[in-house]
C-alpha atoms as a PDB file:
ATOM      1  CA  UNK A   1     106.446  94.431 117.992  1.00  0.00           C
ATOM      2  CA  UNK A   2     102.911  95.452 117.001  1.00  0.00           C
ATOM      3  CA  UNK A   3     100.627  92.644 115.887  1.00  0.00           C
ATOM      4  CA  UNK A   4      99.042  94.515 113.000  1.00  0.00           C
ATOM      5  CA  UNK A   5      96.637  91.730 112.067  1.00  0.00           C
ATOM      6  CA  UNK A   6      95.244  91.749 115.617  1.00  0.00           C
ATOM      7  CA  UNK A   7      95.122  95.561 115.652  1.00  0.00           C
ATOM      8  CA  UNK A   8      93.190  95.459 112.385  1.00  0.00           C
ATOM      9  CA  UNK A   9      90.634  92.987 113.779  1.00  0.00           C
ATOM     10  CA  UNK A  10      90.271  95.098 116.913  1.00  0.00           C
ATOM     11  CA  UNK A  11      89.692  98.201 114.777  1.00  0.00           C
ATOM     12  CA  UNK A  12      86.932  96.466 112.826  1.00  0.00           C
ATOM     13  CA  UNK A  13      85.261  95.012 115.924  1.00  0.00           C
ATOM     14  CA  UNK A  14      85.862  97.915 118.317  1.00  0.00           C
ATOM     15  CA  UNK A  15      85.643 101.033 116.117  1.00  0.00           C
ATOM     16  CA  UNK A  16      83.694 100.195 112.977  1.00  0.00           C
ATOM     17  CA  UNK A  17      80.956  97.702 113.814  1.00  0.00           C
ATOM     18  CA  UNK A  18      79.775  99.615 116.932  1.00  0.00           C
ATOM     19  CA  UNK A  19      79.577 102.794 114.811  1.00  0.00           C
ATOM     20  CA  UNK A  20      77.117 101.562 112.184  1.00  0.00           C
ATOM     21  CA  UNK A  21      79.618 100.228 109.648  1.00  0.00           C
ATOM     22  CA  UNK A  22      77.812  97.090 108.460  1.00  0.00           C
ATOM     23  CA  UNK A  23      78.598  96.704 104.747  1.00  0.00           C
ATOM     24  CA  UNK A  24      80.086  93.217 104.460  1.00  0.00           C
ATOM     25  CA  UNK A  25      82.240  93.854 101.377  1.00  0.00           C
ATOM     26  CA  UNK A  26      83.676  97.024 102.916  1.00  0.00           C
ATOM     27  CA  UNK A  27      84.422  95.331 106.244  1.00  0.00           C
ATOM     28  CA  UNK A  28      86.161  92.508 104.396  1.00  0.00           C
ATOM     29  CA  UNK A  29      88.297  94.987 102.442  1.00  0.00           C
ATOM     30  CA  UNK A  30      89.228  96.877 105.603  1.00  0.00           C
ATOM     31  CA  UNK A  31      89.996  93.635 107.411  1.00  0.00           C
ATOM     32  CA  UNK A  32      92.335  92.486 104.672  1.00  0.00           C
ATOM     33  CA  UNK A  33      94.091  95.710 103.613  1.00  0.00           C
ATOM     34  CA  UNK A  34      97.192  96.470 105.750  1.00  0.00           C
ATOM     35  CA  UNK A  35      96.482 100.073 106.776  1.00  0.00           C
ATOM     36  CA  UNK A  36      99.912 100.342 108.396  1.00  0.00           C
ATOM     37  CA  UNK A  37     101.580 100.029 104.981  1.00  0.00           C
ATOM     38  CA  UNK A  38     100.012 103.351 103.968  1.00  0.00           C
ATOM     39  CA  UNK A  39     101.933 105.215 106.678  1.00  0.00           C
ATOM     40  CA  UNK A  40     105.628 106.071 107.034  1.00  0.00           C
ATOM     41  CA  UNK A  41     107.373 103.399 109.082  1.00  0.00           C
ATOM     42  CA  UNK A  42     107.715 105.699 112.105  1.00  0.00           C
ATOM     43  CA  UNK A  43     103.917 106.083 112.296  1.00  0.00           C
ATOM     44  CA  UNK A  44     102.819 102.503 111.692  1.00  0.00           C
ATOM     45  CA  UNK A  45     102.297 101.827 115.393  1.00  0.00           C
ATOM     46  CA  UNK A  46      99.345 104.281 115.386  1.00  0.00           C
ATOM     47  CA  UNK A  47      97.822 103.027 112.117  1.00  0.00           C
ATOM     48  CA  UNK A  48      94.768 101.612 113.896  1.00  0.00           C
ATOM     49  CA  UNK A  49      94.230 104.421 116.408  1.00  0.00           C
ATOM     50  CA  UNK A  50      90.769 105.982 116.586  1.00  0.00           C
ATOM     51  CA  UNK A  51      92.069 109.292 115.199  1.00  0.00           C
ATOM     52  CA  UNK A  52      93.411 111.098 112.149  1.00  0.00           C
ATOM     53  CA  UNK A  53      97.129 110.398 111.627  1.00  0.00           C
ATOM     54  CA  UNK A  54      99.295 113.357 110.508  1.00  0.00           C
ATOM     55  CA  UNK A  55     101.279 112.801 107.315  1.00  0.00           C
ATOM     56  CA  UNK A  56     102.992 116.215 107.249  1.00  0.00           C
ATOM     57  CA  UNK A  57     102.243 119.307 105.194  1.00  0.00           C
ATOM     58  CA  UNK A  58      98.814 119.664 106.780  1.00  0.00           C
ATOM     59  CA  UNK A  59      97.683 116.284 105.501  1.00  0.00           C
ATOM     60  CA  UNK A  60      96.221 113.331 107.427  1.00  0.00           C
ATOM     61  CA  UNK A  61      95.204 109.722 107.047  1.00  0.00           C
ATOM     62  CA  UNK A  62      91.520 109.970 107.921  1.00  0.00           C
ATOM     63  CA  UNK A  63      90.178 108.383 111.105  1.00  0.00           C
ATOM     64  CA  UNK A  64      89.115 104.788 110.303  1.00  0.00           C
ATOM     65  CA  UNK A  65      85.500 105.107 111.447  1.00  0.00           C
ATOM     66  CA  UNK A  66      84.895 108.349 109.543  1.00  0.00           C
ATOM     67  CA  UNK A  67      86.419 107.034 106.334  1.00  0.00           C
ATOM     68  CA  UNK A  68      84.517 103.753 106.580  1.00  0.00           C
ATOM     69  CA  UNK A  69      81.183 105.481 107.152  1.00  0.00           C
ATOM     70  CA  UNK A  70      81.774 107.843 104.207  1.00  0.00           C
ATOM     71  CA  UNK A  71      82.574 104.920 101.887  1.00  0.00           C
ATOM     72  CA  UNK A  72      79.581 102.933 103.149  1.00  0.00           C
ATOM     73  CA  UNK A  73      77.296 105.911 102.511  1.00  0.00           C
ATOM     74  CA  UNK A  74      78.512 106.022  98.904  1.00  0.00           C
ATOM     75  CA  UNK A  75      77.136 102.499  98.342  1.00  0.00           C
ATOM     76  CA  UNK A  76      79.942 101.574  95.915  1.00  0.00           C
ATOM     77  CA  UNK A  77      78.962  98.999  93.295  1.00  0.00           C
ATOM     78  CA  UNK A  78      81.187  96.682  91.211  1.00  0.00           C
ATOM     79  CA  UNK A  79      80.441  98.573  87.979  1.00  0.00           C
ATOM     80  CA  UNK A  80      81.025 102.081  89.378  1.00  0.00           C
ATOM     81  CA  UNK A  81      83.662 104.557  88.271  1.00  0.00           C
ATOM     82  CA  UNK A  82      85.112 106.298  91.317  1.00  0.00           C
ATOM     83  CA  UNK A  83      86.997 109.544  91.932  1.00  0.00           C
ATOM     84  CA  UNK A  84      89.068 110.015  95.105  1.00  0.00           C
ATOM     85  CA  UNK A  85      90.151 113.598  95.783  1.00  0.00           C
ATOM     86  CA  UNK A  86      92.971 114.135  98.263  1.00  0.00           C
ATOM     87  CA  UNK A  87      94.077 110.521  98.003  1.00  0.00           C
ATOM     88  CA  UNK A  88      97.173 111.038 100.175  1.00  0.00           C
ATOM     89  CA  UNK A  89      99.189 107.827 100.383  1.00  0.00           C
ATOM     90  CA  UNK A  90      96.348 105.894  98.787  1.00  0.00           C
ATOM     91  CA  UNK A  91      94.502 104.044 101.555  1.00  0.00           C
ATOM     92  CA  UNK A  92      90.981 105.186 100.655  1.00  0.00           C
ATOM     93  CA  UNK A  93      91.634 104.628  96.948  1.00  0.00           C
ATOM     94  CA  UNK A  94      92.935 101.129  97.697  1.00  0.00           C
ATOM     95  CA  UNK A  95      89.798 100.245  99.667  1.00  0.00           C
ATOM     96  CA  UNK A  96      87.534 101.497  96.884  1.00  0.00           C
ATOM     97  CA  UNK A  97      89.561  99.647  94.248  1.00  0.00           C
ATOM     98  CA  UNK A  98      88.288  96.445  95.884  1.00  0.00           C
ATOM     99  CA  UNK A  99      84.673  97.586  95.620  1.00  0.00           C
ATOM    100  CA  UNK A 100      84.278  99.372  92.256  1.00  0.00           C
ATOM    101  CA  UNK A 101      85.310  98.985  88.609  1.00  0.00           C
ATOM    102  CA  UNK A 102      87.874 101.798  88.360  1.00  0.00           C
ATOM    103  CA  UNK A 103      89.347 104.453  90.652  1.00  0.00           C
ATOM    104  CA  UNK A 104      90.848 107.786  89.631  1.00  0.00           C
ATOM    105  CA  UNK A 105      92.906 109.118  92.548  1.00  0.00           C
ATOM    106  CA  UNK A 106      93.966 112.783  92.608  1.00  0.00           C
ATOM    107  CA  UNK A 107      96.765 114.034  94.848  1.00  0.00           C
ATOM    108  CA  UNK A 108      98.467 117.448  94.848  1.00  0.00           C
ATOM    109  CA  UNK A 109     101.425 116.661  97.136  1.00  0.00           C
ATOM    110  CA  UNK A 110     104.223 115.104  95.024  1.00  0.00           C
ATOM    111  CA  UNK A 111     105.680 113.158  97.961  1.00  0.00           C
ATOM    112  CA  UNK A 112     102.349 111.650  98.949  1.00  0.00           C
ATOM    113  CA  UNK A 113     101.501 110.863  95.324  1.00  0.00           C
ATOM    114  CA  UNK A 114     104.821 109.081  94.771  1.00  0.00           C
ATOM    115  CA  UNK A 115     104.365 107.100  97.983  1.00  0.00           C
ATOM    116  CA  UNK A 116     100.823 106.086  96.963  1.00  0.00           C
ATOM    117  CA  UNK A 117     102.003 104.747  93.609  1.00  0.00           C
ATOM    118  CA  UNK A 118     104.829 102.786  95.245  1.00  0.00           C
ATOM    119  CA  UNK A 119     102.587 101.332  97.961  1.00  0.00           C
ATOM    120  CA  UNK A 120     100.019 100.207  95.381  1.00  0.00           C
ATOM    121  CA  UNK A 121     102.797  98.568  93.390  1.00  0.00           C
ATOM    122  CA  UNK A 122     104.204  96.830  96.482  1.00  0.00           C
ATOM    123  CA  UNK A 123     100.760  95.494  97.428  1.00  0.00           C
ATOM    124  CA  UNK A 124      99.809  94.563  93.837  1.00  0.00           C
ATOM    125  CA  UNK A 125      96.759  96.853  93.941  1.00  0.00           C
ATOM    126  CA  UNK A 126      95.268  97.335  90.486  1.00  0.00           C
ATOM    127  CA  UNK A 127      92.487  99.410  88.990  1.00  0.00           C
ATOM    128  CA  UNK A 128      93.718 102.826  90.173  1.00  0.00           C
ATOM    129  CA  UNK A 129      94.692 105.672  87.852  1.00  0.00           C
ATOM    130  CA  UNK A 130      96.920 108.122  89.730  1.00  0.00           C
ATOM    131  CA  UNK A 131      96.759 111.844  88.873  1.00  0.00           C
ATOM    132  CA  UNK A 132      99.087 114.474  90.312  1.00  0.00           C
ATOM    133  CA  UNK A 133      97.296 117.818  90.246  1.00  0.00           C
ATOM    134  CA  UNK A 134      95.201 120.380  92.068  1.00  0.00           C
ATOM    135  CA  UNK A 135      92.634 118.699  94.289  1.00  0.00           C
ATOM    136  CA  UNK A 136      89.922 121.254  93.631  1.00  0.00           C
ATOM    137  CA  UNK A 137      89.953 120.396  89.898  1.00  0.00           C
ATOM    138  CA  UNK A 138      89.119 116.716  90.436  1.00  0.00           C
ATOM    139  CA  UNK A 139      89.750 114.303  87.561  1.00  0.00           C
ATOM    140  CA  UNK A 140      87.830 115.604  84.538  1.00  0.00           C
ATOM    141  CA  UNK A 141      89.599 113.322  82.065  1.00  0.00           C
ATOM    142  CA  UNK A 142      87.822 110.182  83.326  1.00  0.00           C
ATOM    143  CA  UNK A 143      84.493 111.761  84.304  1.00  0.00           C
ATOM    144  CA  UNK A 144      81.645 111.196  84.886  1.00  0.00           C
ATOM    145  CA  UNK A 145      81.835 109.252  88.155  1.00  0.00           C
ATOM    146  CA  UNK A 146      79.145 107.322  89.995  1.00  0.00           C
ATOM    147  CA  UNK A 147      81.131 107.600  93.244  1.00  0.00           C
ATOM    148  CA  UNK A 148      83.207 110.552  94.490  1.00  0.00           C
ATOM    149  CA  UNK A 149      85.101 110.575  97.785  1.00  0.00           C
ATOM    150  CA  UNK A 150      86.820 113.726  99.014  1.00  0.00           C
ATOM    151  CA  UNK A 151      89.218 112.297 101.581  1.00  0.00           C
ATOM    152  CA  UNK A 152      89.245 115.213 104.034  1.00  0.00           C
ATOM    153  CA  UNK A 153      87.229 118.265 105.041  1.00  0.00           C
ATOM    154  CA  UNK A 154      86.319 121.157 102.743  1.00  0.00           C
ATOM    155  CA  UNK A 155      84.571 124.475 103.235  1.00  0.00           C
ATOM    156  CA  UNK A 156      82.481 123.704 100.169  1.00  0.00           C
ATOM    157  CA  UNK A 157      82.648 121.273  97.281  1.00  0.00           C
ATOM    158  CA  UNK A 158      83.948 123.011  94.134  1.00  0.00           C
ATOM    159  CA  UNK A 159      81.534 123.171  91.220  1.00  0.00           C
ATOM    160  CA  UNK A 160      84.215 121.588  89.025  1.00  0.00           C
ATOM    161  CA  UNK A 161      83.965 118.390  91.090  1.00  0.00           C
ATOM    162  CA  UNK A 162      80.161 118.424  91.279  1.00  0.00           C
ATOM    163  CA  UNK A 163      80.113 118.694  87.483  1.00  0.00           C
ATOM    164  CA  UNK A 164      82.102 115.431  87.269  1.00  0.00           C
ATOM    165  CA  UNK A 165      79.363 113.435  89.013  1.00  0.00           C
ATOM    166  CA  UNK A 166      77.279 111.127  86.846  1.00  0.00           C
ATOM    167  CA  UNK A 167      73.509 111.383  86.948  1.00  0.00           C
ATOM    168  CA  UNK A 168      72.533 109.454  90.066  1.00  0.00           C
ATOM    169  CA  UNK A 169      76.117 109.771  91.319  1.00  0.00           C
ATOM    170  CA  UNK A 170      77.023 110.028  94.992  1.00  0.00           C
ATOM    171  CA  UNK A 171      79.665 112.226  96.631  1.00  0.00           C
ATOM    172  CA  UNK A 172      80.757 112.087 100.273  1.00  0.00           C
ATOM    173  CA  UNK A 173      82.985 114.455 102.215  1.00  0.00           C
ATOM    174  CA  UNK A 174      83.232 116.430 105.452  1.00  0.00           C
ATOM    175  CA  UNK A 175      81.930 119.994 105.512  1.00  0.00           C
ATOM    176  CA  UNK A 176      84.368 121.838 107.755  1.00  0.00           C
ATOM    177  CA  UNK A 177      82.935 123.872 110.597  1.00  0.00           C
ATOM    178  CA  UNK A 178      84.154 127.118 112.103  1.00  0.00           C
ATOM    179  CA  UNK A 179      87.590 127.028 113.794  1.00  0.00           C
ATOM    180  CA  UNK A 180      87.306 124.798 116.858  1.00  0.00           C
ATOM    181  CA  UNK A 181      83.923 123.400 115.827  1.00  0.00           C
ATOM    182  CA  UNK A 182      83.098 119.921 114.587  1.00  0.00           C
ATOM    183  CA  UNK A 183      82.564 119.376 110.893  1.00  0.00           C
ATOM    184  CA  UNK A 184      79.646 117.453 109.405  1.00  0.00           C
ATOM    185  CA  UNK A 185      79.846 114.525 107.002  1.00  0.00           C
ATOM    186  CA  UNK A 186      77.731 115.191 103.928  1.00  0.00           C
ATOM    187  CA  UNK A 187      76.326 113.079 101.126  1.00  0.00           C
ATOM    188  CA  UNK A 188      75.575 114.644  97.727  1.00  0.00           C
ATOM    189  CA  UNK A 189      73.341 112.937  95.163  1.00  0.00           C
ATOM    190  CA  UNK A 190      72.945 114.212  91.611  1.00  0.00           C
ATOM    191  CA  UNK A 191      69.422 114.109  90.190  1.00  0.00           C
ATOM    192  CA  UNK A 192      68.202 116.074  87.196  1.00  0.00           C
ATOM    193  CA  UNK A 193      71.691 117.490  86.780  1.00  0.00           C
ATOM    194  CA  UNK A 194      71.666 119.044  90.270  1.00  0.00           C
ATOM    195  CA  UNK A 195      73.737 117.787  93.218  1.00  0.00           C
ATOM    196  CA  UNK A 196      71.900 118.134  96.538  1.00  0.00           C
ATOM    197  CA  UNK A 197      73.466 117.547  99.951  1.00  0.00           C
ATOM    198  CA  UNK A 198      72.219 116.086 103.206  1.00  0.00           C
ATOM    199  CA  UNK A 199      74.040 115.865 106.555  1.00  0.00           C
ATOM    200  CA  UNK A 200      75.141 112.499 107.933  1.00  0.00           C
ATOM    201  CA  UNK A 201      77.107 112.768 111.196  1.00  0.00           C
ATOM    202  CA  UNK A 202      79.598 115.000 113.004  1.00  0.00           C
ATOM    203  CA  UNK A 203      83.322 114.543 112.379  1.00  0.00           C
ATOM    204  CA  UNK A 204      86.400 116.477 113.467  1.00  0.00           C
ATOM    205  CA  UNK A 205      88.295 115.874 110.218  1.00  0.00           C
ATOM    206  CA  UNK A 206      91.054 118.410 109.341  1.00  0.00           C
ATOM    207  CA  UNK A 207      90.611 120.761 106.387  1.00  0.00           C
ATOM    208  CA  UNK A 208      92.271 119.736 103.116  1.00  0.00           C
ATOM    209  CA  UNK A 209      94.786 122.238 101.713  1.00  0.00           C
ATOM    210  CA  UNK A 210      93.441 123.806  98.531  1.00  0.00           C
ATOM    211  CA  UNK A 211      89.910 123.906  99.891  1.00  0.00           C
ATOM    212  CA  UNK A 212      90.413 126.579 102.533  1.00  0.00           C
ATOM    213  CA  UNK A 213      88.456 129.799 101.950  1.00  0.00           C
ATOM    214  CA  UNK A 214      90.364 132.766 100.486  1.00  0.00           C
ATOM    215  CA  UNK A 215      91.791 135.208 103.057  1.00  0.00           C
ATOM    216  CA  UNK A 216      89.460 137.971 104.187  1.00  0.00           C
ATOM    217  CA  UNK A 217      90.786 141.486 103.913  1.00  0.00           C
ATOM    218  CA  UNK A 218      90.059 144.060 106.585  1.00  0.00           C
ATOM    219  CA  UNK A 219      90.383 147.795 106.241  1.00  0.00           C
END
């Protein structure tokens, strides 16, 4: 039987701390939140692997180090309103719920959304508003947001989501590269009504459905 508490400590000490994850509140949240509970039972043994975990339907639980570095870059504060796009089974939203005032979590897959709600209920996680809808539309009803996490890779961030950032707001995601190439983590900051991006680090995160480019026609 897997000792999940030990696996969680090993993940923090072996994957996160050596890779520049230093935020104390975030490390505490990761160390306490049972990541395995956010996976189907058959996949719980790989919950703490240094890799993305497939959830089916082209969706993944993001690699622990990549997710942790994205959240750390966002510098979440206790008074922040947060949007999580592509929330999956709710792990990233659950982490942020421990760090910010409110979380709006958007998920397009009905099965993943239902699982996320049930997991949050089972773990008594509060402060998350769950929205079932198209990922690329974000959560306009609770905007603006000081913190936005897109939990997966995108070709580009839709303007609809950038418009939901508060002035001074931060957005983190992975900009997907060409097929077979590494993507790049990006941080957007809104100043003067304009969201500008800067690169952070390379990451091989899979592309989120709904954010793939339209098909190219050839004649």
